[in-house]
PDB file of N, CA and C in Angstrom:
ATOM      1  N   MET A   1     -28.656  31.213 -30.397  1.00  0.00           N
ATOM      2  CA  MET A   1     -27.502  31.695 -30.674  1.00  0.00           C
ATOM      3  C   MET A   1     -26.470  30.966 -30.852  1.00  0.00           C
ATOM      4  N   LYS A   2     -25.382  30.914 -31.309  1.00  0.00           N
ATOM      5  CA  LYS A   2     -24.349  29.998 -31.246  1.00  0.00           C
ATOM      6  C   LYS A   2     -23.352  30.625 -30.567  1.00  0.00           C
ATOM      7  N   ARG A   3     -22.517  29.737 -29.684  1.00  0.00           N
ATOM      8  CA  ARG A   3     -21.138  30.418 -29.046  1.00  0.00           C
ATOM      9  C   ARG A   3     -20.186  29.785 -29.904  1.00  0.00           C
ATOM     10  N   ASN A   4     -18.809  30.533 -29.597  1.00  0.00           N
ATOM     11  CA  ASN A   4     -17.540  30.185 -30.435  1.00  0.00           C
ATOM     12  C   ASN A   4     -17.125  29.287 -29.260  1.00  0.00           C
ATOM     13  N   PRO A   5     -16.738  28.145 -30.064  1.00  0.00           N
ATOM     14  CA  PRO A   5     -16.157  27.170 -29.586  1.00  0.00           C
ATOM     15  C   PRO A   5     -14.781  27.208 -29.223  1.00  0.00           C
ATOM     16  N   LEU A   6     -13.953  28.420 -29.663  1.00  0.00           N
ATOM     17  CA  LEU A   6     -12.627  28.296 -29.524  1.00  0.00           C
ATOM     18  C   LEU A   6     -12.572  29.010 -28.266  1.00  0.00           C
ATOM     19  N   ILE A   7     -13.522  30.121 -27.361  1.00  0.00           N
ATOM     20  CA  ILE A   7     -13.250  30.519 -26.316  1.00  0.00           C
ATOM     21  C   ILE A   7     -12.674  29.993 -25.115  1.00  0.00           C
ATOM     22  N   PRO A   8     -13.160  28.498 -24.809  1.00  0.00           N
ATOM     23  CA  PRO A   8     -12.726  27.864 -23.643  1.00  0.00           C
ATOM     24  C   PRO A   8     -11.303  27.348 -24.155  1.00  0.00           C
ATOM     25  N   PHE A   9     -11.149  27.122 -25.249  1.00  0.00           N
ATOM     26  CA  PHE A   9      -9.426  26.747 -25.623  1.00  0.00           C
ATOM     27  C   PHE A   9      -8.779  28.051 -25.419  1.00  0.00           C
ATOM     28  N   ALA A  10      -8.954  29.172 -25.884  1.00  0.00           N
ATOM     29  CA  ALA A  10      -8.161  30.395 -25.577  1.00  0.00           C
ATOM     30  C   ALA A  10      -7.809  30.778 -24.172  1.00  0.00           C
ATOM     31  N   LEU A  11      -9.383  30.763 -23.635  1.00  0.00           N
ATOM     32  CA  LEU A  11      -8.926  30.938 -22.040  1.00  0.00           C
ATOM     33  C   LEU A  11      -7.958  30.227 -21.017  1.00  0.00           C
ATOM     34  N   ILE A  12      -8.346  28.703 -21.676  1.00  0.00           N
ATOM     35  CA  ILE A  12      -7.135  27.872 -21.091  1.00  0.00           C
ATOM     36  C   ILE A  12      -5.740  27.811 -21.686  1.00  0.00           C
ATOM     37  N   ALA A  13      -5.845  28.560 -22.736  1.00  0.00           N
ATOM     38  CA  ALA A  13      -4.069  28.426 -23.262  1.00  0.00           C
ATOM     39  C   ALA A  13      -3.332  29.988 -22.622  1.00  0.00           C
ATOM     40  N   ALA A  14      -4.476  31.107 -22.143  1.00  0.00           N
ATOM     41  CA  ALA A  14      -3.904  32.322 -21.654  1.00  0.00           C
ATOM     42  C   ALA A  14      -3.466  31.724 -20.248  1.00  0.00           C
ATOM     43  N   LEU A  15      -4.274  30.786 -19.827  1.00  0.00           N
ATOM     44  CA  LEU A  15      -4.028  30.677 -18.207  1.00  0.00           C
ATOM     45  C   LEU A  15      -2.800  30.034 -18.234  1.00  0.00           C
ATOM     46  N   GLY A  16      -2.488  29.023 -19.314  1.00  0.00           N
ATOM     47  CA  GLY A  16      -1.285  28.303 -19.189  1.00  0.00           C
ATOM     48  C   GLY A  16      -0.134  29.122 -19.358  1.00  0.00           C
ATOM     49  N   ILE A  17      -0.325  29.884 -20.264  1.00  0.00           N
ATOM     50  CA  ILE A  17       0.920  30.668 -20.212  1.00  0.00           C
ATOM     51  C   ILE A  17       1.405  31.644 -18.892  1.00  0.00           C
ATOM     52  N   ALA A  18       0.309  32.228 -18.644  1.00  0.00           N
ATOM     53  CA  ALA A  18       0.607  32.981 -17.169  1.00  0.00           C
ATOM     54  C   ALA A  18       0.872  32.168 -16.283  1.00  0.00           C
ATOM     55  N   LEU A  19       0.714  31.156 -16.235  1.00  0.00           N
ATOM     56  CA  LEU A  19       0.983  30.029 -15.110  1.00  0.00           C
ATOM     57  C   LEU A  19       2.550  29.894 -15.352  1.00  0.00           C
ATOM     58  N   THR A  20       3.114  29.406 -16.695  1.00  0.00           N
ATOM     59  CA  THR A  20       4.187  29.184 -17.196  1.00  0.00           C
ATOM     60  C   THR A  20       5.366  30.303 -16.831  1.00  0.00           C
ATOM     61  N   PHE A  21       4.890  31.631 -17.277  1.00  0.00           N
ATOM     62  CA  PHE A  21       5.402  32.712 -16.530  1.00  0.00           C
ATOM     63  C   PHE A  21       5.782  32.927 -15.257  1.00  0.00           C
ATOM     64  N   LEU A  22       4.649  32.462 -14.581  1.00  0.00           N
ATOM     65  CA  LEU A  22       4.947  32.866 -12.923  1.00  0.00           C
ATOM     66  C   LEU A  22       5.839  31.737 -12.779  1.00  0.00           C
ATOM     67  N   LEU A  23       5.574  30.287 -12.663  1.00  0.00           N
ATOM     68  CA  LEU A  23       6.720  29.365 -12.374  1.00  0.00           C
ATOM     69  C   LEU A  23       8.103  29.690 -12.937  1.00  0.00           C
ATOM     70  N   SER A  24       8.148  30.489 -13.906  1.00  0.00           N
ATOM     71  CA  SER A  24       9.774  30.412 -14.284  1.00  0.00           C
ATOM     72  C   SER A  24      10.238  32.049 -13.422  1.00  0.00           C
ATOM     73  N   PHE A  25       9.518  32.955 -12.789  1.00  0.00           N
ATOM     74  CA  PHE A  25       9.816  33.674 -12.073  1.00  0.00           C
ATOM     75  C   PHE A  25      10.233  32.735 -10.787  1.00  0.00           C
ATOM     76  N   GLN A  26       9.752  32.021 -10.281  1.00  0.00           N
ATOM     77  CA  GLN A  26       9.667  31.427  -9.052  1.00  0.00           C
ATOM     78  C   GLN A  26      11.341  30.568  -8.996  1.00  0.00           C
ATOM     79  N   GLY A  27      11.089  29.947 -10.424  1.00  0.00           N
ATOM     80  CA  GLY A  27      12.302  29.095 -10.742  1.00  0.00           C
ATOM     81  C   GLY A  27      13.771  30.059 -10.572  1.00  0.00           C
ATOM     82  N   LEU A  28      13.300  31.025 -11.245  1.00  0.00           N
ATOM     83  CA  LEU A  28      14.974  32.026 -11.239  1.00  0.00           C
ATOM     84  C   LEU A  28      15.052  32.522  -9.470  1.00  0.00           C
ATOM     85  N   TYR A  29      13.975  32.462  -9.030  1.00  0.00           N
ATOM     86  CA  TYR A  29      14.384  32.913  -7.301  1.00  0.00           C
ATOM     87  C   TYR A  29      15.073  31.544  -6.791  1.00  0.00           C
ATOM     88  N   LYS A  30      14.806  30.635  -7.008  1.00  0.00           N
ATOM     89  CA  LYS A  30      15.258  28.980  -6.471  1.00  0.00           C
ATOM     90  C   LYS A  30      16.578  29.070  -7.201  1.00  0.00           C
ATOM     91  N   ALA A  31      16.901  29.690  -8.592  1.00  0.00           N
ATOM     92  CA  ALA A  31      18.456  29.110  -9.082  1.00  0.00           C
ATOM     93  C   ALA A  31      19.116  30.312  -8.169  1.00  0.00           C
ATOM     94  N   GLU A  32      18.645  31.383  -7.926  1.00  0.00           N
ATOM     95  CA  GLU A  32      19.612  32.455  -6.951  1.00  0.00           C
ATOM     96  C   GLU A  32      19.876  31.881  -5.589  1.00  0.00           C
ATOM     97  N   GLN A  33      19.160  31.212  -5.045  1.00  0.00           N
ATOM     98  CA  GLN A  33      19.001  30.626  -3.710  1.00  0.00           C
ATOM     99  C   GLN A  33      20.183  29.469  -3.773  1.00  0.00           C
ATOM    100  N   LEU A  34      20.134  28.512  -4.851  1.00  0.00           N
ATOM    101  CA  LEU A  34      20.899  27.326  -5.027  1.00  0.00           C
ATOM    102  C   LEU A  34      22.345  27.576  -5.914  1.00  0.00           C
ATOM    103  N   ALA A  35      22.582  28.654  -5.818  1.00  0.00           N
ATOM    104  CA  ALA A  35      23.884  29.353  -6.649  1.00  0.00           C
ATOM    105  C   ALA A  35      24.460  30.001  -5.480  1.00  0.00           C
ATOM    106  N   ASP A  36      23.803  30.526  -4.190  1.00  0.00           N
ATOM    107  CA  ASP A  36      24.186  31.114  -2.970  1.00  0.00           C
ATOM    108  C   ASP A  36      25.067  30.144  -2.014  1.00  0.00           C
ATOM    109  N   ALA A  37      23.837  28.864  -2.639  1.00  0.00           N
ATOM    110  CA  ALA A  37      24.213  27.817  -1.468  1.00  0.00           C
ATOM    111  C   ALA A  37      25.377  27.122  -2.023  1.00  0.00           C
ATOM    112  N   GLU A  38      25.698  27.101  -3.118  1.00  0.00           N
ATOM    113  CA  GLU A  38      26.863  26.534  -3.800  1.00  0.00           C
ATOM    114  C   GLU A  38      28.201  27.231  -3.485  1.00  0.00           C
ATOM    115  N   LYS A  39      28.005  28.653  -3.545  1.00  0.00           N
ATOM    116  CA  LYS A  39      29.157  29.328  -2.734  1.00  0.00           C
ATOM    117  C   LYS A  39      29.516  29.235  -1.027  1.00  0.00           C
ATOM    118  N   ASN A  40      28.604  28.893  -0.636  1.00  0.00           N
ATOM    119  CA  ASN A  40      28.454  28.207   0.685  1.00  0.00           C
ATOM    120  C   ASN A  40      29.111  26.898   1.239  1.00  0.00           C
ATOM    121  N   GLY A  41      29.498  26.497   0.223  1.00  0.00           N
ATOM    122  CA  GLY A  41      30.121  25.083   0.392  1.00  0.00           C
ATOM    123  C   GLY A  41      29.059  24.285   0.219  1.00  0.00           C
ATOM    124  N   GLY A  42      28.072  24.336  -0.602  1.00  0.00           N
ATOM    125  CA  GLY A  42      27.023  23.416  -0.683  1.00  0.00           C
ATOM    126  C   GLY A  42      25.800  23.337   0.139  1.00  0.00           C
ATOM    127  N   THR A  43      25.916  24.308   0.904  1.00  0.00           N
ATOM    128  CA  THR A  43      24.710  23.754   2.132  1.00  0.00           C
ATOM    129  C   THR A  43      23.959  25.317   2.028  1.00  0.00           C
ATOM    130  N   THR A  44      22.715  24.961   2.840  1.00  0.00           N
ATOM    131  CA  THR A  44      22.030  26.578   2.678  1.00  0.00           C
ATOM    132  C   THR A  44      22.675  26.766   4.005  1.00  0.00           C
ATOM    133  N   THR A  45      21.904  27.996   4.438  1.00  0.00           N
ATOM    134  CA  THR A  45      22.296  28.700   6.056  1.00  0.00           C
ATOM    135  C   THR A  45      21.578  27.401   6.984  1.00  0.00           C
ATOM    136  N   GLN A  46      20.435  27.378   6.252  1.00  0.00           N
ATOM    137  CA  GLN A  46      19.370  26.470   7.276  1.00  0.00           C
ATOM    138  C   GLN A  46      19.906  25.114   7.693  1.00  0.00           C
ATOM    139  N   THR A  47      20.459  24.423   6.492  1.00  0.00           N
ATOM    140  CA  THR A  47      20.998  22.955   7.218  1.00  0.00           C
ATOM    141  C   THR A  47      22.471  23.431   7.662  1.00  0.00           C
ATOM    142  N   ALA A  48      23.336  24.147   7.422  1.00  0.00           N
ATOM    143  CA  ALA A  48      24.656  24.524   8.292  1.00  0.00           C
ATOM    144  C   ALA A  48      24.313  24.289   9.584  1.00  0.00           C
ATOM    145  N   ALA A  49      23.646  25.109   9.796  1.00  0.00           N
ATOM    146  CA  ALA A  49      23.108  25.351  11.505  1.00  0.00           C
ATOM    147  C   ALA A  49      22.892  24.466  12.152  1.00  0.00           C
ATOM    148  N   ALA A  50      22.214  23.194  11.435  1.00  0.00           N
ATOM    149  CA  ALA A  50      21.594  22.272  12.180  1.00  0.00           C
ATOM    150  C   ALA A  50      22.101  21.470  13.329  1.00  0.00           C
ATOM    151  N   LYS A  51      21.440  20.741  14.137  1.00  0.00           N
ATOM    152  CA  LYS A  51      22.364  19.971  15.270  1.00  0.00           C
ATOM    153  C   LYS A  51      22.297  18.642  14.623  1.00  0.00           C
ATOM    154  N   PRO A  52      23.623  18.144  15.126  1.00  0.00           N
ATOM    155  CA  PRO A  52      23.942  16.669  14.524  1.00  0.00           C
ATOM    156  C   PRO A  52      22.514  15.639  14.869  1.00  0.00           C
ATOM    157  N   GLU A  53      21.830  15.823  16.167  1.00  0.00           N
ATOM    158  CA  GLU A  53      21.283  14.750  16.286  1.00  0.00           C
ATOM    159  C   GLU A  53      19.776  14.992  15.264  1.00  0.00           C
ATOM    160  N   ASP A  54      19.699  16.396  14.552  1.00  0.00           N
ATOM    161  CA  ASP A  54      18.867  16.234  13.479  1.00  0.00           C
ATOM    162  C   ASP A  54      18.995  16.184  12.288  1.00  0.00           C
ATOM    163  N   ILE A  55      20.351  16.271  12.369  1.00  0.00           N
ATOM    164  CA  ILE A  55      20.943  15.525  10.700  1.00  0.00           C
ATOM    165  C   ILE A  55      20.942  13.996  10.891  1.00  0.00           C
ATOM    166  N   VAL A  56      21.133  13.317  11.925  1.00  0.00           N
ATOM    167  CA  VAL A  56      20.964  12.111  12.169  1.00  0.00           C
ATOM    168  C   VAL A  56      19.824  11.446  11.888  1.00  0.00           C
ATOM    169  N   LYS A  57      18.582  12.325  12.451  1.00  0.00           N
ATOM    170  CA  LYS A  57      17.293  11.773  12.384  1.00  0.00           C
ATOM    171  C   LYS A  57      16.700  11.805  10.719  1.00  0.00           C
ATOM    172  N   GLN A  58      17.606  12.945  10.124  1.00  0.00           N
ATOM    173  CA  GLN A  58      16.936  12.852   8.712  1.00  0.00           C
ATOM    174  C   GLN A  58      17.618  12.089   8.014  1.00  0.00           C
ATOM    175  N   THR A  59      18.830  11.635   8.168  1.00  0.00           N
ATOM    176  CA  THR A  59      19.770  11.076   7.411  1.00  0.00           C
ATOM    177  C   THR A  59      19.871   9.459   7.585  1.00  0.00           C
ATOM    178  N   CYS A  60      19.965   9.231   8.559  1.00  0.00           N
ATOM    179  CA  CYS A  60      20.524   7.831   9.360  1.00  0.00           C
ATOM    180  C   CYS A  60      19.919   6.697   9.689  1.00  0.00           C
ATOM    181  N   VAL A  61      18.710   7.137  10.270  1.00  0.00           N
ATOM    182  CA  VAL A  61      17.811   6.655  11.308  1.00  0.00           C
ATOM    183  C   VAL A  61      17.189   5.475  10.380  1.00  0.00           C
ATOM    184  N   SER A  62      17.146   5.779   9.124  1.00  0.00           N
ATOM    185  CA  SER A  62      16.360   4.570   8.202  1.00  0.00           C
ATOM    186  C   SER A  62      17.177   3.424   8.051  1.00  0.00           C
ATOM    187  N   CYS A  63      18.639   3.538   8.259  1.00  0.00           N
ATOM    188  CA  CYS A  63      19.584   2.337   8.556  1.00  0.00           C
ATOM    189  C   CYS A  63      19.958   1.927   9.415  1.00  0.00           C
ATOM    190  N   HIS A  64      20.388   2.898  10.408  1.00  0.00           N
ATOM    191  CA  HIS A  64      20.729   2.594  11.592  1.00  0.00           C
ATOM    192  C   HIS A  64      19.661   2.900  12.950  1.00  0.00           C
ATOM    193  N   GLY A  65      18.553   2.964  12.532  1.00  0.00           N
ATOM    194  CA  GLY A  65      17.350   2.535  13.610  1.00  0.00           C
ATOM    195  C   GLY A  65      16.834   4.495  14.281  1.00  0.00           C
ATOM    196  N   ASP A  66      16.298   4.145  14.920  1.00  0.00           N
ATOM    197  CA  ASP A  66      15.718   5.853  15.856  1.00  0.00           C
ATOM    198  C   ASP A  66      16.750   5.829  16.806  1.00  0.00           C
ATOM    199  N   GLN A  67      17.073   4.668  17.591  1.00  0.00           N
ATOM    200  CA  GLN A  67      17.766   4.729  18.916  1.00  0.00           C
ATOM    201  C   GLN A  67      19.496   4.706  18.369  1.00  0.00           C
ATOM    202  N   LEU A  68      19.836   4.509  16.861  1.00  0.00           N
ATOM    203  CA  LEU A  68      21.115   3.751  16.635  1.00  0.00           C
ATOM    204  C   LEU A  68      21.364   2.565  16.640  1.00  0.00           C
ATOM    205  N   GLN A  69      20.438   2.142  17.148  1.00  0.00           N
ATOM    206  CA  GLN A  69      20.466   0.470  17.312  1.00  0.00           C
ATOM    207  C   GLN A  69      20.852  -0.682  16.736  1.00  0.00           C
ATOM    208  N   GLY A  70      20.618  -0.307  15.318  1.00  0.00           N
ATOM    209  CA  GLY A  70      21.033  -1.047  14.225  1.00  0.00           C
ATOM    210  C   GLY A  70      20.091  -1.245  13.423  1.00  0.00           C
ATOM    211  N   ASN A  71      19.841  -1.470  11.962  1.00  0.00           N
ATOM    212  CA  ASN A  71      18.800  -2.220  11.531  1.00  0.00           C
ATOM    213  C   ASN A  71      19.408  -2.561  10.308  1.00  0.00           C
ATOM    214  N   ILE A  72      19.401  -2.063   9.340  1.00  0.00           N
ATOM    215  CA  ILE A  72      19.925  -2.464   7.893  1.00  0.00           C
ATOM    216  C   ILE A  72      21.983  -2.434   8.145  1.00  0.00           C
ATOM    217  N   GLY A  73      21.821  -0.837   8.809  1.00  0.00           N
ATOM    218  CA  GLY A  73      23.211  -0.862   9.237  1.00  0.00           C
ATOM    219  C   GLY A  73      23.469  -0.846  10.560  1.00  0.00           C
ATOM    220  N   PRO A  74      24.918  -0.925  10.936  1.00  0.00           N
ATOM    221  CA  PRO A  74      25.335  -1.403  12.143  1.00  0.00           C
ATOM    222  C   PRO A  74      24.931  -0.412  13.332  1.00  0.00           C
ATOM    223  N   ASN A  75      24.979  -1.198  14.387  1.00  0.00           N
ATOM    224  CA  ASN A  75      24.765  -0.315  15.836  1.00  0.00           C
ATOM    225  C   ASN A  75      25.488   0.639  15.726  1.00  0.00           C
ATOM    226  N   LEU A  76      25.212   2.258  16.085  1.00  0.00           N
ATOM    227  CA  LEU A  76      25.856   3.238  16.568  1.00  0.00           C
ATOM    228  C   LEU A  76      25.990   3.474  17.996  1.00  0.00           C
ATOM    229  N   GLN A  77      25.608   2.991  18.734  1.00  0.00           N
ATOM    230  CA  GLN A  77      25.123   3.082  19.908  1.00  0.00           C
ATOM    231  C   GLN A  77      26.448   3.537  20.750  1.00  0.00           C
ATOM    232  N   LYS A  78      27.347   2.949  20.787  1.00  0.00           N
ATOM    233  CA  LYS A  78      28.852   2.646  21.385  1.00  0.00           C
ATOM    234  C   LYS A  78      29.861   2.767  20.254  1.00  0.00           C
ATOM    235  N   VAL A  79      29.712   3.543  18.985  1.00  0.00           N
ATOM    236  CA  VAL A  79      31.074   3.491  17.986  1.00  0.00           C
ATOM    237  C   VAL A  79      31.997   4.710  18.642  1.00  0.00           C
ATOM    238  N   GLY A  80      31.776   5.029  19.438  1.00  0.00           N
ATOM    239  CA  GLY A  80      32.966   5.872  19.621  1.00  0.00           C
ATOM    240  C   GLY A  80      34.032   5.247  20.419  1.00  0.00           C
ATOM    241  N   ASP A  81      33.476   4.244  21.100  1.00  0.00           N
ATOM    242  CA  ASP A  81      34.354   2.975  21.709  1.00  0.00           C
ATOM    243  C   ASP A  81      35.480   2.371  20.550  1.00  0.00           C
ATOM    244  N   LYS A  82      34.657   2.168  19.273  1.00  0.00           N
ATOM    245  CA  LYS A  82      35.433   1.732  18.188  1.00  0.00           C
ATOM    246  C   LYS A  82      36.629   2.589  17.395  1.00  0.00           C
ATOM    247  N   LEU A  83      35.816   3.750  17.245  1.00  0.00           N
ATOM    248  CA  LEU A  83      36.214   4.581  16.016  1.00  0.00           C
ATOM    249  C   LEU A  83      36.453   5.732  16.341  1.00  0.00           C
ATOM    250  N   SER A  84      37.725   6.524  15.699  1.00  0.00           N
ATOM    251  CA  SER A  84      37.542   7.843  16.329  1.00  0.00           C
ATOM    252  C   SER A  84      36.772   8.993  15.426  1.00  0.00           C
ATOM    253  N   LYS A  85      36.857  10.396  15.776  1.00  0.00           N
ATOM    254  CA  LYS A  85      35.923  11.269  15.196  1.00  0.00           C
ATOM    255  C   LYS A  85      36.440  11.327  13.545  1.00  0.00           C
ATOM    256  N   GLU A  86      37.842  11.059  13.329  1.00  0.00           N
ATOM    257  CA  GLU A  86      38.445  11.385  12.055  1.00  0.00           C
ATOM    258  C   GLU A  86      37.967  10.044  11.384  1.00  0.00           C
ATOM    259  N   ASP A  87      38.091   8.819  11.849  1.00  0.00           N
ATOM    260  CA  ASP A  87      37.714   7.597  11.388  1.00  0.00           C
ATOM    261  C   ASP A  87      35.947   7.682  10.844  1.00  0.00           C
ATOM    262  N   ILE A  88      35.384   8.254  11.716  1.00  0.00           N
ATOM    263  CA  ILE A  88      33.798   8.362  11.714  1.00  0.00           C
ATOM    264  C   ILE A  88      33.587   9.015  10.697  1.00  0.00           C
ATOM    265  N   GLN A  89      34.033  10.370  10.694  1.00  0.00           N
ATOM    266  CA  GLN A  89      33.961  11.313   9.430  1.00  0.00           C
ATOM    267  C   GLN A  89      34.153  10.717   8.101  1.00  0.00           C
ATOM    268  N   GLY A  90      35.453   9.918   8.066  1.00  0.00           N
ATOM    269  CA  GLY A  90      35.792   9.094   6.657  1.00  0.00           C
ATOM    270  C   GLY A  90      34.744   8.075   6.405  1.00  0.00           C
ATOM    271  N   VAL A  91      33.888   7.392   7.187  1.00  0.00           N
ATOM    272  CA  VAL A  91      33.026   6.494   6.901  1.00  0.00           C
ATOM    273  C   VAL A  91      31.960   7.505   6.384  1.00  0.00           C
ATOM    274  N   ILE A  92      31.590   8.106   6.658  1.00  0.00           N
ATOM    275  CA  ILE A  92      30.408   9.339   6.415  1.00  0.00           C
ATOM    276  C   ILE A  92      30.667   9.647   5.153  1.00  0.00           C
ATOM    277  N   LEU A  93      31.929  10.138   5.008  1.00  0.00           N
ATOM    278  CA  LEU A  93      32.230  10.963   3.169  1.00  0.00           C
ATOM    279  C   LEU A  93      32.194   9.929   2.615  1.00  0.00           C
ATOM    280  N   ASN A  94      32.993   8.830   2.658  1.00  0.00           N
ATOM    281  CA  ASN A  94      33.552   8.066   1.993  1.00  0.00           C
ATOM    282  C   ASN A  94      32.656   6.579   1.660  1.00  0.00           C
ATOM    283  N   GLY A  95      31.858   6.275   2.694  1.00  0.00           N
ATOM    284  CA  GLY A  95      31.262   5.212   2.701  1.00  0.00           C
ATOM    285  C   GLY A  95      31.920   3.877   3.298  1.00  0.00           C
ATOM    286  N   ARG A  96      31.245   3.018   3.616  1.00  0.00           N
ATOM    287  CA  ARG A  96      32.177   1.503   3.695  1.00  0.00           C
ATOM    288  C   ARG A  96      31.084   0.618   3.762  1.00  0.00           C
ATOM    289  N   GLY A  97      31.294  -0.799   3.390  1.00  0.00           N
ATOM    290  CA  GLY A  97      30.511  -1.709   3.189  1.00  0.00           C
ATOM    291  C   GLY A  97      29.138  -1.244   2.547  1.00  0.00           C
ATOM    292  N   ASN A  98      28.089  -1.657   3.152  1.00  0.00           N
ATOM    293  CA  ASN A  98      26.773  -1.201   2.214  1.00  0.00           C
ATOM    294  C   ASN A  98      26.499   0.301   2.725  1.00  0.00           C
ATOM    295  N   MET A  99      27.148   0.995   3.013  1.00  0.00           N
ATOM    296  CA  MET A  99      26.706   2.596   3.397  1.00  0.00           C
ATOM    297  C   MET A  99      27.601   3.281   1.858  1.00  0.00           C
ATOM    298  N   PRO A 100      26.638   4.063   1.481  1.00  0.00           N
ATOM    299  CA  PRO A 100      27.218   4.674   0.358  1.00  0.00           C
ATOM    300  C   PRO A 100      27.882   5.917   0.588  1.00  0.00           C
ATOM    301  N   ALA A 101      28.467   6.490   0.215  1.00  0.00           N
ATOM    302  CA  ALA A 101      29.604   7.884   0.054  1.00  0.00           C
ATOM    303  C   ALA A 101      28.831   9.193  -0.157  1.00  0.00           C
ATOM    304  N   GLY A 102      28.728  10.106   0.572  1.00  0.00           N
ATOM    305  CA  GLY A 102      28.672  11.280   0.111  1.00  0.00           C
ATOM    306  C   GLY A 102      27.292  12.153   0.697  1.00  0.00           C
ATOM    307  N   LEU A 103      26.820  10.871   1.541  1.00  0.00           N
ATOM    308  CA  LEU A 103      25.254  11.077   2.243  1.00  0.00           C
ATOM    309  C   LEU A 103      25.161  12.519   2.516  1.00  0.00           C
ATOM    310  N   LEU A 104      26.252  12.880   3.163  1.00  0.00           N
ATOM    311  CA  LEU A 104      26.313  14.408   4.122  1.00  0.00           C
ATOM    312  C   LEU A 104      27.466  15.163   3.486  1.00  0.00           C
ATOM    313  N   PRO A 105      26.995  16.754   3.072  1.00  0.00           N
ATOM    314  CA  PRO A 105      28.241  17.152   3.073  1.00  0.00           C
ATOM    315  C   PRO A 105      29.284  17.472   4.219  1.00  0.00           C
ATOM    316  N   ALA A 106      30.570  18.049   3.856  1.00  0.00           N
ATOM    317  CA  ALA A 106      31.794  17.704   5.044  1.00  0.00           C
ATOM    318  C   ALA A 106      31.562  18.078   6.229  1.00  0.00           C
ATOM    319  N   ASP A 107      30.754  19.523   6.153  1.00  0.00           N
ATOM    320  CA  ASP A 107      30.687  20.405   7.275  1.00  0.00           C
ATOM    321  C   ASP A 107      29.711  19.595   8.211  1.00  0.00           C
ATOM    322  N   GLN A 108      28.489  18.645   7.594  1.00  0.00           N
ATOM    323  CA  GLN A 108      27.758  18.102   8.520  1.00  0.00           C
ATOM    324  C   GLN A 108      28.161  16.699   8.933  1.00  0.00           C
ATOM    325  N   ALA A 109      29.008  16.421   7.919  1.00  0.00           N
ATOM    326  CA  ALA A 109      29.559  14.915   8.260  1.00  0.00           C
ATOM    327  C   ALA A 109      30.657  15.302   9.691  1.00  0.00           C
ATOM    328  N   SER A 110      31.613  16.463   9.438  1.00  0.00           N
ATOM    329  CA  SER A 110      32.204  16.634  11.094  1.00  0.00           C
ATOM    330  C   SER A 110      31.590  16.601  12.178  1.00  0.00           C
ATOM    331  N   LYS A 111      30.110  17.676  11.796  1.00  0.00           N
ATOM    332  CA  LYS A 111      29.289  17.799  13.369  1.00  0.00           C
ATOM    333  C   LYS A 111      28.782  16.293  13.784  1.00  0.00           C
ATOM    334  N   VAL A 112      28.464  15.508  12.884  1.00  0.00           N
ATOM    335  CA  VAL A 112      27.854  14.465  13.347  1.00  0.00           C
ATOM    336  C   VAL A 112      29.065  13.126  13.684  1.00  0.00           C
ATOM    337  N   ALA A 113      30.185  13.489  12.990  1.00  0.00           N
ATOM    338  CA  ALA A 113      31.423  12.529  13.377  1.00  0.00           C
ATOM    339  C   ALA A 113      31.767  12.769  14.793  1.00  0.00           C
ATOM    340  N   GLU A 114      31.679  14.108  15.368  1.00  0.00           N
ATOM    341  CA  GLU A 114      31.942  14.351  16.547  1.00  0.00           C
ATOM    342  C   GLU A 114      31.132  14.081  17.621  1.00  0.00           C
ATOM    343  N   TRP A 115      30.084  14.414  17.059  1.00  0.00           N
ATOM    344  CA  TRP A 115      28.548  13.635  18.225  1.00  0.00           C
ATOM    345  C   TRP A 115      29.006  12.279  18.269  1.00  0.00           C
ATOM    346  N   LEU A 116      28.878  11.552  16.942  1.00  0.00           N
ATOM    347  CA  LEU A 116      28.960  10.104  17.419  1.00  0.00           C
ATOM    348  C   LEU A 116      30.170   9.452  18.032  1.00  0.00           C
ATOM    349  N   SER A 117      31.119  10.267  18.077  1.00  0.00           N
ATOM    350  CA  SER A 117      32.620   9.842  18.577  1.00  0.00           C
ATOM    351  C   SER A 117      32.263   9.843  20.168  1.00  0.00           C
ATOM    352  N   GLN A 118      31.186  10.368  20.468  1.00  0.00           N
ATOM    353  CA  GLN A 118      31.164  10.839  22.046  1.00  0.00           C
ATOM    354  C   GLN A 118      30.139   9.689  22.439  1.00  0.00           C
ATOM    355  N   LYS A 119      29.821   9.025  21.435  1.00  0.00           N
ATOM    356  CA  LYS A 119      28.726   7.777  22.062  1.00  0.00           C
ATOM    357  C   LYS A 119      29.707   6.350  22.599  1.00  0.00           C
ATOM    358  N   LYS A 120      29.922   6.430  23.796  1.00  0.00           N
ATOM    359  CA  LYS A 120      30.505   5.368  24.488  1.00  0.00           C
ATOM    360  C   LYS A 120      30.155   4.511  25.062  1.00  0.00           C
TER     361      LYS A 120
END
């Protein structure tokens, strides 16, 4: 008895089409979440509610060190003595030296700047 060699290919194609539809519907859901995030100023409610310490751990530790002791970037342990909250926020948003601009959205930059300005 001979088997039809096209059956495995047809099953794989059907599985691929079903998977494509499934991922498309998941992508539609993610697109709605992203659209809602853009309406809320570019951040999701999860990241907007984050503590400044957590934001720093996620974004700044790679350059400024885990204790803000400086690594590639400068030491930030006593940055509040040198810069005001507004100055720190300006550096976070606009960049300076080797620091790139726009690493954080404005609301997170404000929280981090306030937290760092208290470091004296």
